[in-house]
Amino acid sequence: MELPKWLEFTLFISAWLIALIRLRYAVKAYLSRGSIFGVGRRYSRVGFIANTGYAITAALLGVYFLLAYVDHNAATLFFGLGAGLLVIVAILELTFRSRDLKSG
């Protein structure tokens, strides 16, 4: 897939910003697990795992766009890793969130 260089660089920056935002949400979910005003323990654990997984996925896609920007051959490997991890995290999140909704 051949994209213009400016678009590859913009997507690289965007992916890393998304990764930082998702890590921030993961830390908030982790810290809210003991708060009386926070969400339930189980929900915060799922939120922490899901947001961390999404942050890693965004970081992998950021590496993909960086390698595509410099025309490196390993870019496809990072795209595959990012896409595979995205599917795994989405399935885990949907499974545990639906289980949480049924239990309480």
Protein backbone atom coordinates (compact mmCIF):
# COMPACT_ATOMS: atom_id res chain seq x y z
CA MET A 1 0.00 0.00 0.00
CA GLU A 2 1.62 3.20 -1.16
CA LEU A 3 0.47 6.33 0.65
CA PRO A 4 1.83 9.86 0.33
CA LYS A 5 4.70 10.57 2.73
CA TRP A 6 2.83 13.36 4.54
CA LEU A 7 -0.11 11.02 5.20
CA GLU A 8 2.15 8.25 6.52
CA PHE A 9 3.83 10.69 8.89
CA THR A 10 0.48 12.11 10.04
CA LEU A 11 -0.85 8.61 10.70
CA PHE A 12 2.32 7.79 12.65
CA ILE A 13 1.86 10.81 14.92
CA SER A 14 -1.87 10.09 15.30
CA ALA A 15 -1.29 6.45 16.24
CA TRP A 16 1.19 7.39 18.96
CA LEU A 17 -1.17 10.05 20.34
CA ILE A 18 -3.95 7.46 20.49
CA ALA A 19 -1.57 5.08 22.27
CA LEU A 20 -0.79 7.74 24.89
CA ILE A 21 -4.49 8.52 25.42
CA ARG A 22 -5.34 4.83 25.81
CA LEU A 23 -2.51 4.38 28.32
CA ARG A 24 -3.92 7.30 30.29
CA TYR A 25 -7.34 5.61 30.35
CA ALA A 26 -5.71 2.35 31.43
CA VAL A 27 -3.99 4.07 34.35
CA LYS A 28 -7.27 5.75 35.35
CA ALA A 29 -9.07 2.38 35.27
CA TYR A 30 -6.30 0.80 37.33
CA LEU A 31 -6.34 3.56 39.93
CA SER A 32 -10.15 3.61 40.23
CA ARG A 33 -10.36 -0.02 41.29
CA GLY A 34 -10.04 0.78 44.99
CA SER A 35 -12.05 3.99 45.05
CA ILE A 36 -15.49 4.09 46.62
CA PHE A 37 -16.56 6.43 43.83
CA GLY A 38 -14.93 4.39 41.09
CA VAL A 39 -16.38 1.61 39.03
CA GLY A 40 -16.49 -1.99 40.19
CA ARG A 41 -13.30 -3.98 40.64
CA ARG A 42 -14.02 -6.38 37.82
CA TYR A 43 -15.00 -3.64 35.36
CA SER A 44 -11.86 -1.64 36.13
CA ARG A 45 -9.72 -4.74 35.55
CA VAL A 46 -11.34 -5.32 32.14
CA GLY A 47 -10.93 -1.62 31.33
CA PHE A 48 -7.26 -1.71 32.28
CA ILE A 49 -6.56 -4.79 30.14
CA ALA A 50 -8.57 -3.50 27.18
CA ASN A 51 -7.08 -0.01 27.21
CA THR A 52 -3.55 -1.37 27.58
CA GLY A 53 -4.17 -3.73 24.67
CA TYR A 54 -5.52 -0.92 22.52
CA ALA A 55 -2.53 1.25 23.43
CA ILE A 56 -0.10 -1.48 22.37
CA THR A 57 -2.08 -1.97 19.15
CA ALA A 58 -1.91 1.75 18.38
CA ALA A 59 1.83 1.75 19.11
CA LEU A 60 2.37 -1.19 16.74
CA LEU A 61 0.42 0.59 14.03
CA GLY A 62 2.49 3.70 14.72
CA VAL A 63 5.66 1.66 14.15
CA TYR A 64 4.08 0.33 10.94
CA PHE A 65 3.46 3.85 9.63
CA LEU A 66 6.97 4.94 10.63
CA LEU A 67 8.53 1.99 8.80
CA ALA A 68 6.28 2.63 5.80
CA TYR A 69 7.45 6.26 5.87
CA VAL A 70 11.10 5.17 5.57
CA ASP A 71 10.22 2.38 3.08
CA HIS A 72 11.37 -0.50 5.29
CA ASN A 73 10.33 -4.05 4.38
CA ALA A 74 9.38 -5.03 7.96
CA ALA A 75 6.38 -2.67 7.94
CA THR A 76 4.03 -5.48 6.90
CA LEU A 77 5.04 -7.54 9.94
CA PHE A 78 4.04 -4.74 12.33
CA PHE A 79 0.76 -4.23 10.49
CA GLY A 80 -0.04 -7.92 10.91
CA LEU A 81 0.92 -7.87 14.59
CA GLY A 82 -1.21 -4.78 15.19
CA ALA A 83 -4.23 -6.19 13.37
CA GLY A 84 -3.95 -9.55 15.14
CA LEU A 85 -3.64 -7.94 18.56
CA LEU A 86 -6.61 -5.68 17.81
CA VAL A 87 -8.80 -8.71 17.07
CA ILE A 88 -7.65 -10.52 20.22
CA VAL A 89 -8.21 -7.50 22.49
CA ALA A 90 -11.63 -6.78 20.99
CA ILE A 91 -12.75 -10.40 21.52
CA LEU A 92 -11.45 -10.41 25.10
CA GLU A 93 -13.11 -7.11 25.89
CA LEU A 94 -16.47 -8.17 24.45
CA THR A 95 -16.34 -11.52 26.25
CA PHE A 96 -15.55 -10.12 29.69
CA ARG A 97 -17.82 -7.07 29.40
CA SER A 98 -20.81 -9.23 28.42
CA ARG A 99 -20.00 -11.57 31.30
CA ASP A 100 -19.90 -8.58 33.68
CA LEU A 101 -23.26 -7.33 32.44
CA LYS A 102 -24.87 -10.72 33.00
CA SER A 103 -23.48 -11.10 36.51
CA GLY A 104 -24.48 -7.76 37.86
